[in-house]
Amino acid sequence: MTVNEGVIMYHMVMLVLDDVNQCTPIVDAWEEAGVGGITIFESTGLGRIRGNVQKNNLSIMPSLLSVMRSREERHRTMFTVVDSDEMVDKLIEITQSFIGDMMRPNKGVIFIMPVSRVVGLRANWTDE
């Protein structure tokens, strides 16, 4: 654990994933690595939205093809909170083992944010 004067330093690991098909394998691998909880939601970036608007020329009645294309433009955004730099490094490594070098286009982005306080997070949840 990262300790600063006896205090655990938590980190939020957030992944915006381009290939939605990689979501389940990455989530499974994060859990195997010891992550206690992961939140996942569907998301879309502004660049993708603007690209779709230009492609569709703001049509009032989108065609079935354009609706299907817009579904393909979605991402998965997932995040978790971990209590060590080692776990952060592990999650980055795991993620890149599935999607490759994240410096390449259309892979996604992963970022880490310090968390100043956590309430209700337990390593292993059990029913009381």
N, C-alpha and C. Protein backbone atom coordinates (compact mmCIF):
# COMPACT_ATOMS: atom_id res chain seq x y z
N MET A 1 0.83 -1.18 0.00
CA MET A 1 0.00 0.00 0.00
C MET A 1 0.87 1.24 0.00
N THR A 2 0.38 2.25 -0.69
CA THR A 2 1.09 3.51 -0.68
C THR A 2 0.76 4.22 0.62
N VAL A 3 1.79 4.53 1.38
CA VAL A 3 1.56 5.13 2.69
C VAL A 3 2.28 6.47 2.77
N ASN A 4 1.57 7.48 3.22
CA ASN A 4 2.13 8.80 3.44
C ASN A 4 1.76 9.18 4.86
N GLU A 5 2.73 9.11 5.75
CA GLU A 5 2.52 9.40 7.17
C GLU A 5 1.39 8.54 7.74
N GLY A 6 1.38 7.23 7.41
CA GLY A 6 0.40 6.31 7.97
C GLY A 6 -0.96 6.32 7.30
N VAL A 7 -1.13 7.06 6.22
CA VAL A 7 -2.41 7.16 5.53
C VAL A 7 -2.32 6.42 4.20
N ILE A 8 -3.32 5.59 3.92
CA ILE A 8 -3.37 4.90 2.63
C ILE A 8 -3.72 5.91 1.55
N MET A 9 -3.00 5.86 0.44
CA MET A 9 -3.27 6.75 -0.69
C MET A 9 -4.04 5.97 -1.75
N TYR A 10 -5.30 6.33 -1.93
CA TYR A 10 -6.13 5.67 -2.92
C TYR A 10 -6.00 6.35 -4.27
N HIS A 11 -6.26 5.58 -5.33
CA HIS A 11 -6.19 6.08 -6.70
C HIS A 11 -7.42 5.61 -7.46
N MET A 12 -8.01 6.50 -8.26
CA MET A 12 -9.06 6.09 -9.16
C MET A 12 -8.41 5.79 -10.51
N VAL A 13 -8.67 4.60 -11.01
CA VAL A 13 -8.18 4.19 -12.33
C VAL A 13 -9.39 4.25 -13.25
N MET A 14 -9.32 5.09 -14.27
CA MET A 14 -10.43 5.24 -15.20
C MET A 14 -9.96 4.88 -16.61
N LEU A 15 -10.71 4.01 -17.25
CA LEU A 15 -10.39 3.56 -18.61
C LEU A 15 -11.55 3.90 -19.53
N VAL A 16 -11.27 4.65 -20.59
CA VAL A 16 -12.23 4.88 -21.66
C VAL A 16 -11.78 3.97 -22.79
N LEU A 17 -12.59 2.98 -23.08
CA LEU A 17 -12.23 1.89 -23.97
C LEU A 17 -12.92 2.04 -25.32
N ASP A 18 -12.14 2.08 -26.40
CA ASP A 18 -12.71 2.21 -27.74
C ASP A 18 -13.43 0.95 -28.19
N ASP A 19 -12.82 -0.20 -28.00
CA ASP A 19 -13.37 -1.47 -28.49
C ASP A 19 -14.26 -2.08 -27.41
N VAL A 20 -15.57 -1.91 -27.55
CA VAL A 20 -16.49 -2.39 -26.52
C VAL A 20 -16.41 -3.90 -26.35
N ASN A 21 -15.94 -4.62 -27.36
CA ASN A 21 -15.82 -6.07 -27.26
C ASN A 21 -14.73 -6.49 -26.27
N GLN A 22 -13.83 -5.60 -25.94
CA GLN A 22 -12.77 -5.90 -24.98
C GLN A 22 -13.17 -5.64 -23.53
N CYS A 23 -14.35 -5.07 -23.34
CA CYS A 23 -14.77 -4.69 -21.98
C CYS A 23 -14.84 -5.89 -21.04
N THR A 24 -15.56 -6.92 -21.41
CA THR A 24 -15.73 -8.07 -20.51
C THR A 24 -14.41 -8.75 -20.18
N PRO A 25 -13.55 -9.03 -21.18
CA PRO A 25 -12.27 -9.65 -20.82
C PRO A 25 -11.41 -8.78 -19.89
N ILE A 26 -11.45 -7.48 -20.08
CA ILE A 26 -10.65 -6.59 -19.23
C ILE A 26 -11.24 -6.56 -17.81
N VAL A 27 -12.55 -6.47 -17.71
CA VAL A 27 -13.19 -6.49 -16.40
C VAL A 27 -12.86 -7.78 -15.66
N ASP A 28 -12.95 -8.90 -16.37
CA ASP A 28 -12.63 -10.19 -15.75
C ASP A 28 -11.18 -10.22 -15.26
N ALA A 29 -10.26 -9.70 -16.07
CA ALA A 29 -8.84 -9.69 -15.70
C ALA A 29 -8.58 -8.74 -14.53
N TRP A 30 -9.25 -7.59 -14.51
CA TRP A 30 -9.10 -6.67 -13.38
C TRP A 30 -9.57 -7.35 -12.09
N GLU A 31 -10.70 -8.06 -12.17
CA GLU A 31 -11.20 -8.77 -10.98
C GLU A 31 -10.23 -9.85 -10.54
N GLU A 32 -9.69 -10.60 -11.48
CA GLU A 32 -8.69 -11.63 -11.14
C GLU A 32 -7.47 -11.03 -10.47
N ALA A 33 -7.14 -9.80 -10.84
CA ALA A 33 -5.98 -9.12 -10.26
C ALA A 33 -6.24 -8.65 -8.83
N GLY A 34 -7.52 -8.68 -8.42
CA GLY A 34 -7.83 -8.31 -7.05
C GLY A 34 -8.64 -7.05 -6.88
N VAL A 35 -9.14 -6.48 -7.97
CA VAL A 35 -9.97 -5.28 -7.85
C VAL A 35 -11.31 -5.67 -7.23
N GLY A 36 -11.73 -4.90 -6.24
CA GLY A 36 -12.94 -5.23 -5.51
C GLY A 36 -14.23 -4.82 -6.18
N GLY A 37 -14.24 -3.76 -6.94
CA GLY A 37 -15.46 -3.29 -7.59
C GLY A 37 -15.12 -2.43 -8.79
N ILE A 38 -15.91 -2.56 -9.83
CA ILE A 38 -15.70 -1.80 -11.06
C ILE A 38 -17.05 -1.24 -11.50
N THR A 39 -17.07 0.02 -11.85
CA THR A 39 -18.27 0.65 -12.39
C THR A 39 -18.05 0.83 -13.89
N ILE A 40 -19.06 0.46 -14.68
CA ILE A 40 -18.96 0.51 -16.14
C ILE A 40 -20.17 1.26 -16.68
N PHE A 41 -19.93 2.15 -17.63
CA PHE A 41 -21.05 2.80 -18.30
C PHE A 41 -20.71 3.05 -19.76
N GLU A 42 -21.75 3.18 -20.55
CA GLU A 42 -21.60 3.46 -21.98
C GLU A 42 -21.31 4.95 -22.12
N SER A 43 -20.40 5.29 -23.04
CA SER A 43 -20.03 6.68 -23.21
C SER A 43 -19.67 6.95 -24.67
N THR A 44 -19.64 8.22 -25.01
CA THR A 44 -19.27 8.66 -26.35
C THR A 44 -18.49 9.95 -26.22
N GLY A 45 -17.45 10.09 -27.03
CA GLY A 45 -16.65 11.30 -27.01
C GLY A 45 -17.19 12.36 -27.95
N LEU A 46 -16.88 13.60 -27.67
CA LEU A 46 -17.35 14.72 -28.48
C LEU A 46 -16.88 14.61 -29.93
N GLY A 47 -15.64 14.15 -30.11
CA GLY A 47 -15.12 13.99 -31.47
C GLY A 47 -15.94 13.01 -32.28
N ARG A 48 -16.36 11.94 -31.64
CA ARG A 48 -17.19 10.95 -32.33
C ARG A 48 -18.57 11.52 -32.66
N ILE A 49 -19.13 12.27 -31.73
CA ILE A 49 -20.45 12.87 -31.97
C ILE A 49 -20.37 13.86 -33.13
N ARG A 50 -19.37 14.71 -33.11
CA ARG A 50 -19.22 15.68 -34.20
C ARG A 50 -18.98 14.97 -35.52
N GLY A 51 -18.22 13.88 -35.49
CA GLY A 51 -18.00 13.10 -36.71
C GLY A 51 -19.28 12.52 -37.24
N ASN A 52 -20.16 12.04 -36.37
CA ASN A 52 -21.45 11.49 -36.80
C ASN A 52 -22.36 12.57 -37.36
N VAL A 53 -22.34 13.75 -36.75
CA VAL A 53 -23.17 14.85 -37.25
C VAL A 53 -22.75 15.21 -38.66
N GLN A 54 -21.44 15.27 -38.90
CA GLN A 54 -20.95 15.59 -40.24
C GLN A 54 -21.31 14.49 -41.22
N LYS A 55 -21.21 13.22 -40.80
CA LYS A 55 -21.55 12.10 -41.68
C LYS A 55 -23.02 12.11 -42.04
N ASN A 56 -23.88 12.43 -41.08
CA ASN A 56 -25.31 12.35 -41.28
C ASN A 56 -25.92 13.64 -41.79
N ASN A 57 -25.14 14.71 -41.85
CA ASN A 57 -25.64 16.01 -42.29
C ASN A 57 -26.90 16.44 -41.56
N LEU A 58 -26.97 16.14 -40.27
CA LEU A 58 -28.08 16.54 -39.43
C LEU A 58 -29.44 16.12 -39.97
N SER A 59 -29.53 14.93 -40.50
CA SER A 59 -30.82 14.49 -41.04
C SER A 59 -31.84 14.35 -39.91
N ILE A 60 -33.06 14.72 -40.20
CA ILE A 60 -34.12 14.66 -39.21
C ILE A 60 -34.55 13.21 -38.98
N MET A 61 -34.64 12.43 -40.02
CA MET A 61 -35.01 11.01 -39.92
C MET A 61 -33.80 10.17 -40.26
N PRO A 62 -33.02 9.77 -39.26
CA PRO A 62 -31.82 9.00 -39.57
C PRO A 62 -32.18 7.63 -40.15
N SER A 63 -31.37 7.20 -41.06
CA SER A 63 -31.59 5.87 -41.64
C SER A 63 -31.19 4.81 -40.63
N LEU A 64 -31.63 3.58 -40.87
CA LEU A 64 -31.25 2.46 -40.01
C LEU A 64 -29.74 2.30 -39.99
N LEU A 65 -29.10 2.47 -41.14
CA LEU A 65 -27.65 2.36 -41.21
C LEU A 65 -26.97 3.39 -40.30
N SER A 66 -27.47 4.63 -40.30
CA SER A 66 -26.83 5.65 -39.46
C SER A 66 -27.05 5.35 -37.97
N VAL A 67 -28.21 4.79 -37.62
CA VAL A 67 -28.44 4.41 -36.23
C VAL A 67 -27.48 3.31 -35.83
N MET A 68 -27.30 2.32 -36.71
CA MET A 68 -26.37 1.23 -36.42
C MET A 68 -24.95 1.76 -36.31
N ARG A 69 -24.56 2.68 -37.17
CA ARG A 69 -23.22 3.26 -37.10
C ARG A 69 -23.02 3.99 -35.78
N SER A 70 -24.04 4.72 -35.34
CA SER A 70 -23.88 5.46 -34.09
C SER A 70 -23.67 4.52 -32.92
N ARG A 71 -24.27 3.34 -32.94
CA ARG A 71 -24.03 2.35 -31.88
C ARG A 71 -22.58 1.92 -31.89
N GLU A 72 -21.98 1.81 -33.07
CA GLU A 72 -20.58 1.39 -33.17
C GLU A 72 -19.64 2.45 -32.62
N GLU A 73 -20.10 3.68 -32.51
CA GLU A 73 -19.25 4.78 -32.07
C GLU A 73 -19.20 4.90 -30.55
N ARG A 74 -19.83 4.03 -29.86
CA ARG A 74 -19.86 4.10 -28.40
C ARG A 74 -18.58 3.52 -27.80
N HIS A 75 -18.31 3.96 -26.60
CA HIS A 75 -17.19 3.47 -25.81
C HIS A 75 -17.74 2.79 -24.57
N ARG A 76 -16.86 2.19 -23.82
CA ARG A 76 -17.17 1.79 -22.45
C ARG A 76 -16.20 2.56 -21.57
N THR A 77 -16.73 3.16 -20.54
CA THR A 77 -15.89 3.82 -19.55
C THR A 77 -16.04 3.04 -18.26
N MET A 78 -14.92 2.67 -17.70
CA MET A 78 -14.94 1.89 -16.47
C MET A 78 -13.97 2.49 -15.47
N PHE A 79 -14.35 2.40 -14.21
CA PHE A 79 -13.43 2.91 -13.20
C PHE A 79 -13.51 2.09 -11.93
N THR A 80 -12.42 2.18 -11.19
CA THR A 80 -12.31 1.50 -9.91
C THR A 80 -11.40 2.33 -9.02
N VAL A 81 -11.43 2.04 -7.74
CA VAL A 81 -10.54 2.69 -6.78
C VAL A 81 -9.65 1.62 -6.18
N VAL A 82 -8.34 1.88 -6.21
CA VAL A 82 -7.36 0.93 -5.67
C VAL A 82 -6.49 1.63 -4.64
N ASP A 83 -5.78 0.83 -3.85
CA ASP A 83 -5.03 1.41 -2.72
C ASP A 83 -3.51 1.29 -2.84
N SER A 84 -3.02 1.10 -4.08
CA SER A 84 -1.56 1.05 -4.21
C SER A 84 -1.11 1.40 -5.62
N ASP A 85 0.10 1.94 -5.70
CA ASP A 85 0.71 2.21 -7.01
C ASP A 85 0.95 0.91 -7.77
N GLU A 86 1.25 -0.15 -7.03
CA GLU A 86 1.50 -1.45 -7.66
C GLU A 86 0.25 -1.94 -8.39
N MET A 87 -0.93 -1.76 -7.77
CA MET A 87 -2.17 -2.18 -8.42
C MET A 87 -2.47 -1.30 -9.63
N VAL A 88 -2.19 -0.02 -9.55
CA VAL A 88 -2.36 0.87 -10.70
C VAL A 88 -1.52 0.35 -11.87
N ASP A 89 -0.25 0.08 -11.61
CA ASP A 89 0.65 -0.43 -12.66
C ASP A 89 0.14 -1.75 -13.23
N LYS A 90 -0.35 -2.61 -12.36
CA LYS A 90 -0.87 -3.91 -12.78
C LYS A 90 -2.07 -3.75 -13.71
N LEU A 91 -2.98 -2.83 -13.37
CA LEU A 91 -4.17 -2.63 -14.20
C LEU A 91 -3.83 -2.04 -15.57
N ILE A 92 -2.86 -1.15 -15.60
CA ILE A 92 -2.40 -0.60 -16.88
C ILE A 92 -1.80 -1.72 -17.74
N GLU A 93 -0.97 -2.53 -17.13
CA GLU A 93 -0.34 -3.65 -17.85
C GLU A 93 -1.40 -4.62 -18.37
N ILE A 94 -2.34 -4.98 -17.54
CA ILE A 94 -3.42 -5.90 -17.94
C ILE A 94 -4.20 -5.32 -19.11
N THR A 95 -4.57 -4.06 -19.00
CA THR A 95 -5.36 -3.41 -20.04
C THR A 95 -4.62 -3.45 -21.37
N GLN A 96 -3.34 -3.09 -21.35
CA GLN A 96 -2.57 -3.08 -22.60
C GLN A 96 -2.31 -4.49 -23.13
N SER A 97 -2.37 -5.49 -22.29
CA SER A 97 -2.21 -6.86 -22.78
C SER A 97 -3.41 -7.27 -23.65
N PHE A 98 -4.55 -6.63 -23.44
CA PHE A 98 -5.73 -6.92 -24.24
C PHE A 98 -5.84 -6.02 -25.48
N ILE A 99 -5.56 -4.73 -25.31
CA ILE A 99 -5.82 -3.81 -26.42
C ILE A 99 -4.56 -3.30 -27.11
N GLY A 100 -3.41 -3.64 -26.60
CA GLY A 100 -2.17 -3.20 -27.22
C GLY A 100 -1.72 -1.85 -26.69
N ASP A 101 -0.74 -1.29 -27.37
CA ASP A 101 -0.13 -0.02 -26.98
C ASP A 101 -1.16 1.10 -27.04
N MET A 102 -1.45 1.69 -25.90
CA MET A 102 -2.47 2.73 -25.84
C MET A 102 -2.03 4.04 -26.46
N MET A 103 -0.79 4.14 -26.87
CA MET A 103 -0.33 5.33 -27.57
C MET A 103 -0.74 5.29 -29.04
N ARG A 104 -1.22 4.15 -29.49
CA ARG A 104 -1.71 4.02 -30.87
C ARG A 104 -3.15 4.53 -30.93
N PRO A 105 -3.58 4.99 -32.10
CA PRO A 105 -4.94 5.54 -32.22
C PRO A 105 -6.03 4.48 -31.99
N ASN A 106 -7.16 4.95 -31.55
CA ASN A 106 -8.38 4.15 -31.40
C ASN A 106 -8.24 2.97 -30.45
N LYS A 107 -7.46 3.15 -29.42
CA LYS A 107 -7.33 2.13 -28.38
C LYS A 107 -8.12 2.52 -27.15
N GLY A 108 -8.04 3.79 -26.79
CA GLY A 108 -8.68 4.29 -25.58
C GLY A 108 -7.69 5.09 -24.78
N VAL A 109 -8.10 5.43 -23.60
CA VAL A 109 -7.23 6.20 -22.71
C VAL A 109 -7.46 5.71 -21.28
N ILE A 110 -6.39 5.64 -20.54
CA ILE A 110 -6.50 5.27 -19.13
C ILE A 110 -5.82 6.39 -18.34
N PHE A 111 -6.48 6.81 -17.27
CA PHE A 111 -5.85 7.83 -16.44
C PHE A 111 -6.11 7.54 -14.98
N ILE A 112 -5.22 8.09 -14.19
CA ILE A 112 -5.21 7.82 -12.76
C ILE A 112 -5.38 9.15 -12.03
N MET A 113 -6.26 9.15 -11.04
CA MET A 113 -6.48 10.36 -10.26
C MET A 113 -6.34 10.04 -8.78
N PRO A 114 -5.71 10.92 -8.03
CA PRO A 114 -5.63 10.69 -6.59
C PRO A 114 -7.01 10.86 -5.97
N VAL A 115 -7.28 10.06 -4.97
CA VAL A 115 -8.56 10.13 -4.25
C VAL A 115 -8.24 10.55 -2.82
N SER A 116 -8.74 11.68 -2.41
CA SER A 116 -8.37 12.21 -1.10
C SER A 116 -9.11 11.54 0.05
N ARG A 117 -10.28 10.96 -0.22
CA ARG A 117 -11.02 10.32 0.84
C ARG A 117 -11.92 9.24 0.24
N VAL A 118 -12.03 8.13 0.96
CA VAL A 118 -12.91 7.04 0.54
C VAL A 118 -13.75 6.65 1.73
N VAL A 119 -15.06 6.57 1.52
CA VAL A 119 -15.98 6.14 2.55
C VAL A 119 -16.77 4.96 1.99
N GLY A 120 -16.77 3.85 2.69
CA GLY A 120 -17.55 2.70 2.26
C GLY A 120 -16.83 1.68 1.40
N LEU A 121 -15.58 1.88 1.17
CA LEU A 121 -14.81 0.94 0.35
C LEU A 121 -14.16 -0.08 1.26
N ARG A 122 -14.41 -1.34 0.98
CA ARG A 122 -13.80 -2.41 1.75
C ARG A 122 -13.11 -3.35 0.77
N ALA A 123 -12.02 -3.94 1.19
CA ALA A 123 -11.27 -4.85 0.33
C ALA A 123 -12.12 -6.02 -0.11
N ASN A 124 -12.78 -6.67 0.81
CA ASN A 124 -13.63 -7.84 0.51
C ASN A 124 -14.99 -7.64 1.16
N TRP A 125 -15.97 -7.28 0.36
CA TRP A 125 -17.32 -7.07 0.87
C TRP A 125 -17.92 -8.37 1.34
N THR A 126 -18.55 -8.33 2.48
CA THR A 126 -19.31 -9.49 2.95
C THR A 126 -20.62 -8.98 3.51
N ASP A 127 -21.64 -9.80 3.42
CA ASP A 127 -22.93 -9.44 4.01
C ASP A 127 -22.80 -9.53 5.52
N GLU A 128 -23.34 -8.55 6.20
CA GLU A 128 -23.27 -8.53 7.66
C GLU A 128 -24.55 -9.03 8.25
